Amino acid sequence: MSVRRILRLMDSEDAVAVRAVARENAAVERAIRAAVKAFQSGGRLIYVGAGTSGRLGVLDASECPPTFSVPHTMVQGIMAGGRAALVRSKEGAEDRPADGAREIGRKKVGSKDMVLGITAIGLTPFVAGALEEAKRRGAAVWLLTCNREAKRPPFADGIIRPVTGPEVLRGSTRLKAGTATKLVLNRITTISMVLLGKTYGNLMVDVAPNSRKLVARGKRIVQEATGLPPGEAARFYERSGRNPKVAIVMAEKRCSPAEAKQFLKTCGGRIREAIRRTLDSKL
């Protein structure tokens, strides 16, 4: 096949992954609600996987703190084979269920937490051991797999099963299965953070100012949310301590940083409610 024909083939196969994920929306919604419940009770979302599946879990977890300004402990990833396996394949690490259970113990998983096992083609022993131990400790337990034949394990509360079928390169689960997995994880954390008030419209108002790029983005977010000229939006942003949420409330209500923070605190960090609350209090 020519390169062009291979690209077209992969286009059609990748589209299969997108459709497979869409068919699982009902299950993904239930998983999102379980994750939000865990977060609201002070618990964590912990991904467990091996190989590509494990790396995708770690990737999604690592993106949450800079995007939503949440603690690094709030969403975590457990990788079979440990940190070294993130950058160099460690075959055989997935074959020991006791290792998975041990990692759950090390994380001190409890009843407030949610643990999501990720496996492309079946329930690997490492993930099975982790999920079974998590359930024993009272955590909410979910499984994400792309295997058509996979059944919900007796120790799992739910299963997400986007069936992607054989890969273009047989057995290479970093392709369609990896794409479907990434899409599901994107949805779980993104929508959970939306429900927790971490966004305003489609703006990332909790973005952390950890680099010059992110500082510039924070200023643009304030400008777009308020409609202010760039210079004025930047001044509110700096006065707020580089917190877009606080800056937006300050600008909309012409209040101090301390007052804006208090309004947000009473509204669970939700900007729209904070603005309404201040309006109501002045009527």
Protein backbone atom coordinates (compact mmCIF):
# COMPACT_ATOMS: atom_id res chain seq x y z
CA MET A 1 0.00 0.00 0.00
CA SER A 2 1.08 3.57 -0.62
CA VAL A 3 1.53 5.95 2.30
CA ARG A 4 -1.63 7.78 1.20
CA ARG A 5 -3.69 4.57 1.23
CA ILE A 6 -2.36 3.64 4.67
CA LEU A 7 -3.30 7.06 5.98
CA ARG A 8 -6.83 6.69 4.61
CA LEU A 9 -7.12 3.26 6.18
CA MET A 10 -6.01 4.63 9.55
CA ASP A 11 -8.47 7.52 9.18
CA SER A 12 -11.35 5.09 8.84
CA GLU A 13 -10.12 2.91 11.70
CA ASP A 14 -9.64 5.88 14.07
CA ALA A 15 -13.22 6.91 13.33
CA VAL A 16 -14.27 3.49 14.66
CA ALA A 17 -12.71 4.41 18.03
CA VAL A 18 -14.70 7.65 18.23
CA ARG A 19 -17.98 5.87 17.48
CA ALA A 20 -17.17 3.12 19.98
CA VAL A 21 -16.67 5.67 22.75
CA ALA A 22 -19.92 7.47 21.87
CA ARG A 23 -21.82 4.20 22.30
CA GLU A 24 -20.58 4.02 25.88
CA ASN A 25 -21.82 7.47 26.93
CA ALA A 26 -24.31 6.07 29.45
CA ALA A 27 -21.60 4.10 31.25
CA VAL A 28 -19.16 7.01 31.08
CA GLU A 29 -21.80 9.28 32.63
CA ARG A 30 -22.19 6.91 35.58
CA ALA A 31 -18.42 6.78 36.02
CA ILE A 32 -18.24 10.59 35.96
CA ARG A 33 -20.85 10.83 38.69
CA ALA A 34 -18.90 8.31 40.76
CA ALA A 35 -15.73 10.37 40.31
CA VAL A 36 -17.49 13.61 41.30
CA LYS A 37 -18.89 11.89 44.39
CA ALA A 38 -15.36 10.80 45.31
CA PHE A 39 -13.97 14.32 44.82
CA GLN A 40 -16.78 15.98 46.78
CA SER A 41 -16.16 13.67 49.72
CA GLY A 42 -12.45 14.47 49.72
CA GLY A 43 -11.46 11.29 47.88
CA ARG A 44 -9.32 10.65 44.81
CA LEU A 45 -9.59 9.17 41.34
CA ILE A 46 -6.86 6.58 40.85
CA TYR A 47 -6.12 4.97 37.49
CA VAL A 48 -4.45 1.57 37.34
CA GLY A 49 -2.97 0.05 34.20
CA ALA A 50 -0.06 -1.60 32.43
CA GLY A 51 1.74 -0.69 29.22
CA THR A 52 -0.05 1.83 27.01
CA SER A 53 -3.13 1.73 29.24
CA GLY A 54 -1.12 2.61 32.32
CA ARG A 55 0.77 5.39 30.55
CA LEU A 56 -2.48 6.97 29.37
CA GLY A 57 -3.78 6.97 32.92
CA VAL A 58 -0.64 8.65 34.22
CA LEU A 59 -0.80 11.18 31.36
CA ASP A 60 -4.39 12.16 32.14
CA ALA A 61 -3.65 12.44 35.86
CA SER A 62 -0.58 14.61 35.27
CA GLU A 63 -2.57 17.11 33.17
CA CYS A 64 -5.17 17.83 35.86
CA PRO A 65 -3.10 20.02 38.24
CA PRO A 66 -1.95 22.61 35.65
CA THR A 67 -5.30 22.65 33.85
CA PHE A 68 -7.59 22.85 36.88
CA SER A 69 -5.31 23.86 39.77
CA VAL A 70 -6.15 20.72 41.72
CA PRO A 71 -3.70 18.95 44.06
CA HIS A 72 -1.42 16.39 42.43
CA THR A 73 -2.96 13.78 44.73
CA MET A 74 -6.54 14.32 43.49
CA VAL A 75 -6.10 12.31 40.27
CA GLN A 76 -3.31 9.74 40.24
CA GLY A 77 -2.01 6.98 38.05
CA ILE A 78 -0.57 3.63 39.07
CA MET A 79 1.62 1.97 36.45
CA ALA A 80 2.59 -1.71 36.47
CA GLY A 81 6.36 -1.75 36.76
CA GLY A 82 6.53 1.65 38.44
CA ARG A 83 7.98 4.90 37.13
CA ALA A 84 10.64 3.19 35.03
CA ALA A 85 7.92 1.48 32.96
CA LEU A 86 6.59 4.88 31.86
CA VAL A 87 9.50 5.44 29.52
CA ARG A 88 10.73 1.91 28.92
CA SER A 89 8.52 -1.12 28.43
CA LYS A 90 8.75 -3.56 31.32
CA GLU A 91 7.20 -6.78 30.07
CA GLY A 92 5.87 -9.17 32.69
CA ALA A 93 5.09 -6.44 35.22
CA GLU A 94 1.40 -6.84 34.43
CA ASP A 95 1.37 -10.53 35.35
CA ARG A 96 1.50 -10.20 39.15
CA PRO A 97 -1.84 -9.47 40.88
CA ALA A 98 -0.13 -9.16 44.25
CA ASP A 99 1.85 -6.19 42.93
CA GLY A 100 -1.37 -4.42 41.99
CA ALA A 101 -2.88 -5.06 45.40
CA ARG A 102 0.32 -3.85 47.06
CA GLU A 103 0.19 -0.55 45.16
CA ILE A 104 -3.38 0.04 46.31
CA GLY A 105 -2.19 -0.53 49.87
CA ARG A 106 0.67 1.92 49.39
CA LYS A 107 -1.80 4.58 48.25
CA LYS A 108 -3.92 3.93 51.36
CA VAL A 109 -7.04 3.63 49.21
CA GLY A 110 -10.26 3.93 51.18
CA SER A 111 -14.02 4.27 50.93
CA LYS A 112 -13.87 7.88 49.66
CA ASP A 113 -11.78 6.96 46.62
CA MET A 114 -12.60 5.74 43.12
CA VAL A 115 -10.25 3.33 41.34
CA LEU A 116 -10.50 2.87 37.57
CA GLY A 117 -8.69 -0.07 36.03
CA ILE A 118 -7.62 0.37 32.40
CA THR A 119 -6.99 -2.63 30.17
CA ALA A 120 -7.15 -2.81 26.39
CA ILE A 121 -7.82 -6.47 25.68
CA GLY A 122 -8.75 -8.02 29.01
CA LEU A 123 -8.38 -7.84 32.76
CA THR A 124 -4.60 -8.10 33.31
CA PRO A 125 -3.56 -9.70 36.61
CA PHE A 126 -1.93 -6.51 37.94
CA VAL A 127 -5.11 -4.51 37.35
CA ALA A 128 -7.34 -7.31 38.68
CA GLY A 129 -5.31 -7.49 41.87
CA ALA A 130 -5.50 -3.73 42.31
CA LEU A 131 -9.25 -3.53 41.73
CA GLU A 132 -10.04 -6.43 44.01
CA GLU A 133 -7.99 -4.89 46.82
CA ALA A 134 -9.59 -1.48 46.23
CA LYS A 135 -13.04 -3.02 46.52
CA ARG A 136 -12.04 -4.80 49.72
CA ARG A 137 -11.09 -1.41 51.12
CA GLY A 138 -14.50 0.05 50.22
CA ALA A 139 -13.55 2.17 47.20
CA ALA A 140 -15.73 2.66 44.13
CA VAL A 141 -14.29 0.35 41.46
CA TRP A 142 -14.63 0.67 37.66
CA LEU A 143 -13.11 -1.06 34.66
CA LEU A 144 -12.33 0.43 31.23
CA THR A 145 -11.59 -2.11 28.50
CA CYS A 146 -11.89 -2.33 24.71
CA ASN A 147 -12.49 -6.09 24.72
CA ARG A 148 -15.87 -7.13 23.29
CA GLU A 149 -15.89 -10.29 25.41
CA ALA A 150 -15.00 -8.63 28.71
CA LYS A 151 -17.55 -8.99 31.50
CA ARG A 152 -17.92 -6.78 34.53
CA PRO A 153 -15.89 -8.44 37.31
CA PRO A 154 -17.84 -9.25 40.48
CA PHE A 155 -15.74 -6.74 42.41
CA ALA A 156 -16.41 -3.83 39.99
CA ASP A 157 -19.26 -1.33 40.28
CA GLY A 158 -19.30 -0.65 36.56
CA ILE A 159 -17.61 -1.25 33.22
CA ILE A 160 -16.91 1.04 30.24
CA ARG A 161 -16.43 -1.05 27.12
CA PRO A 162 -15.76 0.84 23.85
CA VAL A 163 -15.31 -2.04 21.41
CA THR A 164 -12.74 -0.92 18.83
CA GLY A 165 -12.05 -4.26 17.13
CA PRO A 166 -8.78 -5.51 15.57
CA GLU A 167 -6.03 -2.94 15.12
CA VAL A 168 -4.54 -1.89 11.77
CA LEU A 169 -1.35 -3.40 13.13
CA ARG A 170 -2.66 -6.53 14.83
CA GLY A 171 -2.13 -6.49 18.59
CA SER A 172 -0.79 -2.92 18.79
CA THR A 173 -3.24 -1.56 21.37
CA ARG A 174 -1.63 1.89 21.32
CA LEU A 175 -3.70 2.54 18.16
CA LYS A 176 -7.54 2.41 18.22
CA ALA A 177 -7.72 1.06 21.76
CA GLY A 178 -5.31 3.74 22.93
CA THR A 179 -7.32 6.43 21.16
CA ALA A 180 -10.59 5.22 22.70
CA THR A 181 -8.99 5.04 26.14
CA LYS A 182 -7.68 8.60 25.88
CA LEU A 183 -11.09 9.86 24.79
CA VAL A 184 -12.82 8.22 27.76
CA LEU A 185 -10.28 9.54 30.28
CA ASN A 186 -10.57 13.03 28.76
CA ARG A 187 -14.32 12.91 29.32
CA ILE A 188 -14.16 11.61 32.87
CA THR A 189 -11.77 14.24 34.22
CA THR A 190 -12.92 17.17 32.07
CA ILE A 191 -16.64 16.76 32.80
CA SER A 192 -15.94 16.04 36.47
CA MET A 193 -14.04 19.33 36.70
CA VAL A 194 -16.87 21.16 34.91
CA LEU A 195 -19.33 19.82 37.51
CA LEU A 196 -16.97 20.93 40.28
CA GLY A 197 -17.00 24.52 38.97
CA LYS A 198 -13.51 24.48 37.50
CA THR A 199 -14.66 26.12 34.25
CA TYR A 200 -16.68 29.20 33.21
CA GLY A 201 -18.38 28.62 29.91
CA ASN A 202 -15.63 26.86 27.98
CA LEU A 203 -12.83 28.80 29.71
CA MET A 204 -10.17 27.13 31.88
CA VAL A 205 -10.59 29.61 34.73
CA ASP A 206 -8.60 27.54 37.22
CA VAL A 207 -5.49 27.30 35.04
CA ALA A 208 -2.34 27.56 37.17
CA PRO A 209 0.16 30.37 36.30
CA ASN A 210 3.11 27.99 36.14
CA SER A 211 4.78 29.43 33.04
CA ARG A 212 4.82 32.57 30.92
CA LYS A 213 2.51 30.84 28.46
CA LEU A 214 -0.03 30.06 31.18
CA VAL A 215 0.20 33.57 32.66
CA ALA A 216 -0.59 35.00 29.22
CA ARG A 217 -3.46 32.53 28.89
CA GLY A 218 -4.81 33.61 32.28
CA LYS A 219 -4.90 37.23 31.14
CA ARG A 220 -6.70 36.28 27.93
CA ILE A 221 -9.25 34.27 29.90
CA VAL A 222 -10.06 37.29 32.09
CA GLN A 223 -10.32 39.50 29.02
CA GLU A 224 -12.61 37.08 27.18
CA ALA A 225 -14.83 36.44 30.21
CA THR A 226 -15.29 40.12 31.07
CA GLY A 227 -14.99 41.85 27.70
CA LEU A 228 -12.44 44.27 29.16
CA PRO A 229 -9.58 45.78 27.13
CA PRO A 230 -6.34 43.75 27.40
CA GLY A 231 -4.59 46.21 29.72
CA GLU A 232 -7.45 46.45 32.19
CA ALA A 233 -8.00 42.68 32.19
CA ALA A 234 -4.28 42.20 32.90
CA ARG A 235 -4.45 44.59 35.86
CA PHE A 236 -7.34 42.69 37.42
CA TYR A 237 -5.44 39.45 36.81
CA GLU A 238 -2.32 40.69 38.60
CA ARG A 239 -4.32 42.19 41.50
CA SER A 240 -6.09 38.86 41.95
CA GLY A 241 -2.81 37.05 42.51
CA ARG A 242 -2.96 35.65 38.97
CA ASN A 243 -6.20 33.82 39.68
CA PRO A 244 -8.60 34.13 36.71
CA LYS A 245 -11.63 33.20 38.81
CA VAL A 246 -10.97 35.88 41.38
CA ALA A 247 -10.10 38.43 38.69
CA ILE A 248 -13.37 37.81 36.82
CA VAL A 249 -15.50 38.27 39.94
CA MET A 250 -13.49 41.39 40.87
CA ALA A 251 -14.05 42.86 37.43
CA GLU A 252 -17.75 42.01 37.24
CA LYS A 253 -18.59 43.24 40.74
CA ARG A 254 -15.84 45.86 41.18
CA CYS A 255 -14.89 44.35 44.50
CA SER A 256 -11.61 43.64 46.27
CA PRO A 257 -9.64 40.40 45.89
CA ALA A 258 -10.65 39.36 49.42
CA GLU A 259 -14.33 39.96 48.69
CA ALA A 260 -14.13 38.06 45.41
CA LYS A 261 -12.49 35.11 47.14
CA GLN A 262 -15.23 35.08 49.79
CA PHE A 263 -17.99 35.17 47.19
CA LEU A 264 -16.37 32.24 45.39
CA LYS A 265 -15.91 30.31 48.62
CA THR A 266 -19.60 30.62 49.52
CA CYS A 267 -20.55 29.42 46.02
CA GLY A 268 -18.24 26.42 45.87
CA GLY A 269 -15.89 28.16 43.43
CA ARG A 270 -18.58 28.67 40.78
CA ILE A 271 -18.15 32.07 39.10
CA ARG A 272 -21.67 32.38 37.72
CA GLU A 273 -23.22 31.70 41.12
CA ALA A 274 -20.77 34.07 42.81
CA ILE A 275 -21.76 36.88 40.47
CA ARG A 276 -25.45 36.19 41.03
CA ARG A 277 -24.96 35.99 44.77
CA THR A 278 -23.38 39.42 44.88
CA LEU A 279 -26.14 40.84 42.69
CA ASP A 280 -28.87 39.38 44.91
CA SER A 281 -27.21 40.70 48.05
CA LYS A 282 -27.34 44.25 46.72
CA LEU A 283 -31.08 44.17 45.79
